[in-house]
Amino acid sequence: MAGGLIGAVLAAVPGFVDMFSISDKKVGKIAWNHMVLNLIAVVIFAIDFYLRLRNPAGAIFPIVLFA
């Protein structure tokens, strides 16, 4: 899970740079929506990762977070 979070952050850098090169407003709106949804997903994964590290074995909430 930590590898996925690191990969998401690394992939976001060129995506962020590329997003600002878009001149078409319709495509730019799609890019912004894509970025916001990806950031929400990364935050949820980060919360889940934190909960898995902090909770003892057998904790149910981190699993329910993705059900």
PDB file of N, CA and C in Angstrom:
ATOM      1  N   MET A   1       0.817  -1.180   0.000  1.00  0.00           N
ATOM      2  CA  MET A   1       0.000   0.000   0.000  1.00  0.00           C
ATOM      3  C   MET A   1       0.870   1.255   0.000  1.00  0.00           C
ATOM      4  N   ALA A   2       1.961   1.223   0.727  1.00  0.00           N
ATOM      5  CA  ALA A   2       2.853   2.387   0.745  1.00  0.00           C
ATOM      6  C   ALA A   2       3.444   2.625  -0.635  1.00  0.00           C
ATOM      7  N   GLY A   3       3.752   1.544  -1.345  1.00  0.00           N
ATOM      8  CA  GLY A   3       4.278   1.679  -2.703  1.00  0.00           C
ATOM      9  C   GLY A   3       3.274   2.338  -3.637  1.00  0.00           C
ATOM     10  N   GLY A   4       2.006   2.010  -3.468  1.00  0.00           N
ATOM     11  CA  GLY A   4       0.964   2.633  -4.277  1.00  0.00           C
ATOM     12  C   GLY A   4       0.830   4.118  -4.001  1.00  0.00           C
ATOM     13  N   LEU A   5       0.950   4.502  -2.731  1.00  0.00           N
ATOM     14  CA  LEU A   5       0.885   5.921  -2.384  1.00  0.00           C
ATOM     15  C   LEU A   5       2.075   6.680  -2.962  1.00  0.00           C
ATOM     16  N   ILE A   6       3.248   6.085  -2.862  1.00  0.00           N
ATOM     17  CA  ILE A   6       4.445   6.724  -3.426  1.00  0.00           C
ATOM     18  C   ILE A   6       4.317   6.833  -4.944  1.00  0.00           C
ATOM     19  N   GLY A   7       3.836   5.771  -5.580  1.00  0.00           N
ATOM     20  CA  GLY A   7       3.646   5.796  -7.030  1.00  0.00           C
ATOM     21  C   GLY A   7       2.628   6.843  -7.452  1.00  0.00           C
ATOM     22  N   ALA A   8       1.565   7.011  -6.668  1.00  0.00           N
ATOM     23  CA  ALA A   8       0.549   8.011  -6.991  1.00  0.00           C
ATOM     24  C   ALA A   8       1.131   9.423  -6.924  1.00  0.00           C
ATOM     25  N   VAL A   9       1.942   9.672  -5.907  1.00  0.00           N
ATOM     26  CA  VAL A   9       2.554  10.993  -5.771  1.00  0.00           C
ATOM     27  C   VAL A   9       3.539  11.239  -6.913  1.00  0.00           C
ATOM     28  N   LEU A  10       4.325  10.226  -7.256  1.00  0.00           N
ATOM     29  CA  LEU A  10       5.276  10.383  -8.359  1.00  0.00           C
ATOM     30  C   LEU A  10       4.567  10.589  -9.694  1.00  0.00           C
ATOM     31  N   ALA A  11       3.451   9.923  -9.905  1.00  0.00           N
ATOM     32  CA  ALA A  11       2.703  10.081 -11.151  1.00  0.00           C
ATOM     33  C   ALA A  11       1.976  11.421 -11.200  1.00  0.00           C
ATOM     34  N   ALA A  12       1.670  11.983 -10.043  1.00  0.00           N
ATOM     35  CA  ALA A  12       0.943  13.251 -10.001  1.00  0.00           C
ATOM     36  C   ALA A  12       1.791  14.416 -10.486  1.00  0.00           C
ATOM     37  N   VAL A  13       3.093  14.346 -10.304  1.00  0.00           N
ATOM     38  CA  VAL A  13       3.959  15.464 -10.676  1.00  0.00           C
ATOM     39  C   VAL A  13       3.898  15.739 -12.182  1.00  0.00           C
ATOM     40  N   PRO A  14       4.188  14.773 -13.053  1.00  0.00           N
ATOM     41  CA  PRO A  14       4.083  15.083 -14.485  1.00  0.00           C
ATOM     42  C   PRO A  14       2.635  15.333 -14.923  1.00  0.00           C
ATOM     43  N   GLY A  15       1.688  14.693 -14.269  1.00  0.00           N
ATOM     44  CA  GLY A  15       0.288  14.945 -14.595  1.00  0.00           C
ATOM     45  C   GLY A  15      -0.118  16.370 -14.282  1.00  0.00           C
ATOM     46  N   PHE A  16       0.366  16.888 -13.166  1.00  0.00           N
ATOM     47  CA  PHE A  16       0.081  18.265 -12.768  1.00  0.00           C
ATOM     48  C   PHE A  16       0.682  19.248 -13.762  1.00  0.00           C
ATOM     49  N   VAL A  17       1.915  18.991 -14.164  1.00  0.00           N
ATOM     50  CA  VAL A  17       2.584  19.849 -15.152  1.00  0.00           C
ATOM     51  C   VAL A  17       1.838  19.781 -16.483  1.00  0.00           C
ATOM     52  N   ASP A  18       1.467  18.594 -16.899  1.00  0.00           N
ATOM     53  CA  ASP A  18       0.762  18.403 -18.167  1.00  0.00           C
ATOM     54  C   ASP A  18      -0.602  19.082 -18.149  1.00  0.00           C
ATOM     55  N   MET A  19      -1.258  19.077 -17.010  1.00  0.00           N
ATOM     56  CA  MET A  19      -2.588  19.659 -16.910  1.00  0.00           C
ATOM     57  C   MET A  19      -2.570  21.150 -17.251  1.00  0.00           C
ATOM     58  N   PHE A  20      -1.518  21.838 -16.887  1.00  0.00           N
ATOM     59  CA  PHE A  20      -1.448  23.276 -17.149  1.00  0.00           C
ATOM     60  C   PHE A  20      -1.069  23.598 -18.590  1.00  0.00           C
ATOM     61  N   SER A  21      -0.754  22.600 -19.389  1.00  0.00           N
ATOM     62  CA  SER A  21      -0.468  22.839 -20.805  1.00  0.00           C
ATOM     63  C   SER A  21      -1.721  22.697 -21.666  1.00  0.00           C
ATOM     64  N   ILE A  22      -2.849  22.360 -21.060  1.00  0.00           N
ATOM     65  CA  ILE A  22      -4.096  22.170 -21.792  1.00  0.00           C
ATOM     66  C   ILE A  22      -4.725  23.536 -22.064  1.00  0.00           C
ATOM     67  N   SER A  23      -5.038  23.783 -23.335  1.00  0.00           N
ATOM     68  CA  SER A  23      -5.637  25.068 -23.692  1.00  0.00           C
ATOM     69  C   SER A  23      -7.149  24.973 -23.914  1.00  0.00           C
ATOM     70  N   ASP A  24      -7.655  23.807 -24.239  1.00  0.00           N
ATOM     71  CA  ASP A  24      -9.087  23.614 -24.459  1.00  0.00           C
ATOM     72  C   ASP A  24      -9.809  23.598 -23.112  1.00  0.00           C
ATOM     73  N   LYS A  25     -10.793  24.475 -22.945  1.00  0.00           N
ATOM     74  CA  LYS A  25     -11.483  24.599 -21.657  1.00  0.00           C
ATOM     75  C   LYS A  25     -12.231  23.326 -21.266  1.00  0.00           C
ATOM     76  N   LYS A  26     -12.849  22.655 -22.229  1.00  0.00           N
ATOM     77  CA  LYS A  26     -13.601  21.433 -21.918  1.00  0.00           C
ATOM     78  C   LYS A  26     -12.657  20.332 -21.434  1.00  0.00           C
ATOM     79  N   VAL A  27     -11.550  20.182 -22.122  1.00  0.00           N
ATOM     80  CA  VAL A  27     -10.562  19.169 -21.726  1.00  0.00           C
ATOM     81  C   VAL A  27      -9.922  19.561 -20.396  1.00  0.00           C
ATOM     82  N   GLY A  28      -9.704  20.854 -20.178  1.00  0.00           N
ATOM     83  CA  GLY A  28      -9.141  21.327 -18.915  1.00  0.00           C
ATOM     84  C   GLY A  28     -10.058  21.028 -17.738  1.00  0.00           C
ATOM     85  N   LYS A  29     -11.374  21.169 -17.948  1.00  0.00           N
ATOM     86  CA  LYS A  29     -12.325  20.845 -16.879  1.00  0.00           C
ATOM     87  C   LYS A  29     -12.272  19.360 -16.551  1.00  0.00           C
ATOM     88  N   ILE A  30     -12.168  18.519 -17.563  1.00  0.00           N
ATOM     89  CA  ILE A  30     -12.042  17.077 -17.338  1.00  0.00           C
ATOM     90  C   ILE A  30     -10.761  16.776 -16.566  1.00  0.00           C
ATOM     91  N   ALA A  31      -9.681  17.462 -16.914  1.00  0.00           N
ATOM     92  CA  ALA A  31      -8.404  17.253 -16.225  1.00  0.00           C
ATOM     93  C   ALA A  31      -8.504  17.644 -14.748  1.00  0.00           C
ATOM     94  N   TRP A  32      -9.154  18.764 -14.458  1.00  0.00           N
ATOM     95  CA  TRP A  32      -9.325  19.182 -13.063  1.00  0.00           C
ATOM     96  C   TRP A  32     -10.161  18.180 -12.286  1.00  0.00           C
ATOM     97  N   ASN A  33     -11.244  17.707 -12.907  1.00  0.00           N
ATOM     98  CA  ASN A  33     -12.072  16.697 -12.246  1.00  0.00           C
ATOM     99  C   ASN A  33     -11.273  15.425 -11.974  1.00  0.00           C
ATOM    100  N   HIS A  34     -10.465  15.033 -12.939  1.00  0.00           N
ATOM    101  CA  HIS A  34      -9.622  13.845 -12.794  1.00  0.00           C
ATOM    102  C   HIS A  34      -8.649  14.030 -11.628  1.00  0.00           C
ATOM    103  N   MET A  35      -8.042  15.212 -11.552  1.00  0.00           N
ATOM    104  CA  MET A  35      -7.088  15.474 -10.482  1.00  0.00           C
ATOM    105  C   MET A  35      -7.763  15.432  -9.109  1.00  0.00           C
ATOM    106  N   VAL A  36      -8.933  16.051  -8.997  1.00  0.00           N
ATOM    107  CA  VAL A  36      -9.638  16.079  -7.710  1.00  0.00           C
ATOM    108  C   VAL A  36     -10.026  14.666  -7.281  1.00  0.00           C
ATOM    109  N   LEU A  37     -10.560  13.873  -8.203  1.00  0.00           N
ATOM    110  CA  LEU A  37     -10.937  12.505  -7.863  1.00  0.00           C
ATOM    111  C   LEU A  37      -9.725  11.664  -7.467  1.00  0.00           C
ATOM    112  N   ASN A  38      -8.613  11.850  -8.166  1.00  0.00           N
ATOM    113  CA  ASN A  38      -7.397  11.119  -7.802  1.00  0.00           C
ATOM    114  C   ASN A  38      -6.882  11.538  -6.429  1.00  0.00           C
ATOM    115  N   LEU A  39      -6.942  12.823  -6.124  1.00  0.00           N
ATOM    116  CA  LEU A  39      -6.504  13.281  -4.805  1.00  0.00           C
ATOM    117  C   LEU A  39      -7.390  12.715  -3.701  1.00  0.00           C
ATOM    118  N   ILE A  40      -8.678  12.645  -3.948  1.00  0.00           N
ATOM    119  CA  ILE A  40      -9.590  12.047  -2.965  1.00  0.00           C
ATOM    120  C   ILE A  40      -9.234  10.580  -2.742  1.00  0.00           C
ATOM    121  N   ALA A  41      -8.972   9.866  -3.838  1.00  0.00           N
ATOM    122  CA  ALA A  41      -8.610   8.451  -3.720  1.00  0.00           C
ATOM    123  C   ALA A  41      -7.299   8.277  -2.946  1.00  0.00           C
ATOM    124  N   VAL A  42      -6.317   9.124  -3.215  1.00  0.00           N
ATOM    125  CA  VAL A  42      -5.025   9.028  -2.513  1.00  0.00           C
ATOM    126  C   VAL A  42      -5.208   9.326  -1.029  1.00  0.00           C
ATOM    127  N   VAL A  43      -6.041  10.291  -0.693  1.00  0.00           N
ATOM    128  CA  VAL A  43      -6.293  10.609   0.718  1.00  0.00           C
ATOM    129  C   VAL A  43      -6.968   9.424   1.415  1.00  0.00           C
ATOM    130  N   ILE A  44      -7.930   8.793   0.753  1.00  0.00           N
ATOM    131  CA  ILE A  44      -8.597   7.627   1.346  1.00  0.00           C
ATOM    132  C   ILE A  44      -7.593   6.501   1.559  1.00  0.00           C
ATOM    133  N   PHE A  45      -6.725   6.244   0.570  1.00  0.00           N
ATOM    134  CA  PHE A  45      -5.710   5.211   0.728  1.00  0.00           C
ATOM    135  C   PHE A  45      -4.736   5.565   1.845  1.00  0.00           C
ATOM    136  N   ALA A  46      -4.372   6.843   1.972  1.00  0.00           N
ATOM    137  CA  ALA A  46      -3.453   7.259   3.041  1.00  0.00           C
ATOM    138  C   ALA A  46      -4.095   7.063   4.414  1.00  0.00           C
ATOM    139  N   ILE A  47      -5.372   7.386   4.533  1.00  0.00           N
ATOM    140  CA  ILE A  47      -6.088   7.170   5.801  1.00  0.00           C
ATOM    141  C   ILE A  47      -6.128   5.682   6.124  1.00  0.00           C
ATOM    142  N   ASP A  48      -6.440   4.872   5.125  1.00  0.00           N
ATOM    143  CA  ASP A  48      -6.492   3.427   5.333  1.00  0.00           C
ATOM    144  C   ASP A  48      -5.120   2.887   5.747  1.00  0.00           C
ATOM    145  N   PHE A  49      -4.073   3.355   5.100  1.00  0.00           N
ATOM    146  CA  PHE A  49      -2.720   2.917   5.436  1.00  0.00           C
ATOM    147  C   PHE A  49      -2.375   3.298   6.872  1.00  0.00           C
ATOM    148  N   TYR A  50      -2.707   4.510   7.264  1.00  0.00           N
ATOM    149  CA  TYR A  50      -2.466   4.969   8.629  1.00  0.00           C
ATOM    150  C   TYR A  50      -3.230   4.100   9.629  1.00  0.00           C
ATOM    151  N   LEU A  51      -4.496   3.836   9.343  1.00  0.00           N
ATOM    152  CA  LEU A  51      -5.302   3.028  10.254  1.00  0.00           C
ATOM    153  C   LEU A  51      -4.764   1.605  10.371  1.00  0.00           C
ATOM    154  N   ARG A  52      -4.282   1.058   9.272  1.00  0.00           N
ATOM    155  CA  ARG A  52      -3.720  -0.295   9.312  1.00  0.00           C
ATOM    156  C   ARG A  52      -2.438  -0.344  10.140  1.00  0.00           C
ATOM    157  N   LEU A  53      -1.670   0.729  10.119  1.00  0.00           N
ATOM    158  CA  LEU A  53      -0.435   0.768  10.914  1.00  0.00           C
ATOM    159  C   LEU A  53      -0.722   0.975  12.402  1.00  0.00           C
ATOM    160  N   ARG A  54      -1.750   1.755  12.716  1.00  0.00           N
ATOM    161  CA  ARG A  54      -2.027   2.118  14.101  1.00  0.00           C
ATOM    162  C   ARG A  54      -2.902   1.116  14.846  1.00  0.00           C
ATOM    163  N   ASN A  55      -3.749   0.386  14.133  1.00  0.00           N
ATOM    164  CA  ASN A  55      -4.690  -0.524  14.781  1.00  0.00           C
ATOM    165  C   ASN A  55      -4.080  -1.914  14.931  1.00  0.00           C
ATOM    166  N   PRO A  56      -4.478  -2.607  15.964  1.00  0.00           N
ATOM    167  CA  PRO A  56      -3.958  -3.966  16.168  1.00  0.00           C
ATOM    168  C   PRO A  56      -4.492  -4.929  15.103  1.00  0.00           C
ATOM    169  N   ALA A  57      -3.879  -6.069  15.049  1.00  0.00           N
ATOM    170  CA  ALA A  57      -4.317  -7.099  14.105  1.00  0.00           C
ATOM    171  C   ALA A  57      -5.777  -7.445  14.371  1.00  0.00           C
ATOM    172  N   GLY A  58      -6.521  -7.644  13.325  1.00  0.00           N
ATOM    173  CA  GLY A  58      -7.926  -7.975  13.460  1.00  0.00           C
ATOM    174  C   GLY A  58      -8.852  -6.777  13.490  1.00  0.00           C
ATOM    175  N   ALA A  59      -8.312  -5.561  13.364  1.00  0.00           N
ATOM    176  CA  ALA A  59      -9.165  -4.367  13.346  1.00  0.00           C
ATOM    177  C   ALA A  59     -10.023  -4.390  12.094  1.00  0.00           C
ATOM    178  N   ILE A  60     -11.263  -4.038  12.242  1.00  0.00           N
ATOM    179  CA  ILE A  60     -12.212  -4.160  11.141  1.00  0.00           C
ATOM    180  C   ILE A  60     -12.379  -2.857  10.347  1.00  0.00           C
ATOM    181  N   PHE A  61     -12.175  -1.687  10.967  1.00  0.00           N
ATOM    182  CA  PHE A  61     -12.464  -0.420  10.273  1.00  0.00           C
ATOM    183  C   PHE A  61     -11.642  -0.214   9.001  1.00  0.00           C
ATOM    184  N   PRO A  62     -10.322  -0.495   8.981  1.00  0.00           N
ATOM    185  CA  PRO A  62      -9.594  -0.309   7.723  1.00  0.00           C
ATOM    186  C   PRO A  62     -10.148  -1.173   6.589  1.00  0.00           C
ATOM    187  N   ILE A  63     -10.665  -2.332   6.909  1.00  0.00           N
ATOM    188  CA  ILE A  63     -11.222  -3.199   5.877  1.00  0.00           C
ATOM    189  C   ILE A  63     -12.582  -2.666   5.434  1.00  0.00           C
ATOM    190  N   VAL A  64     -13.379  -2.176   6.361  1.00  0.00           N
ATOM    191  CA  VAL A  64     -14.704  -1.643   6.040  1.00  0.00           C
ATOM    192  C   VAL A  64     -14.564  -0.367   5.198  1.00  0.00           C
ATOM    193  N   LEU A  65     -13.486   0.373   5.374  1.00  0.00           N
ATOM    194  CA  LEU A  65     -13.268   1.607   4.619  1.00  0.00           C
ATOM    195  C   LEU A  65     -13.294   1.345   3.127  1.00  0.00           C
ATOM    196  N   PHE A  66     -12.862   0.187   2.676  1.00  0.00           N
ATOM    197  CA  PHE A  66     -12.818  -0.123   1.241  1.00  0.00           C
ATOM    198  C   PHE A  66     -13.879  -1.119   0.817  1.00  0.00           C
ATOM    199  N   ALA A  67     -14.799  -1.451   1.665  1.00  0.00           N
ATOM    200  CA  ALA A  67     -15.850  -2.413   1.286  1.00  0.00           C
ATOM    201  C   ALA A  67     -16.903  -1.765   0.428  1.00  0.00           C
TER     202      ALA A  67
END
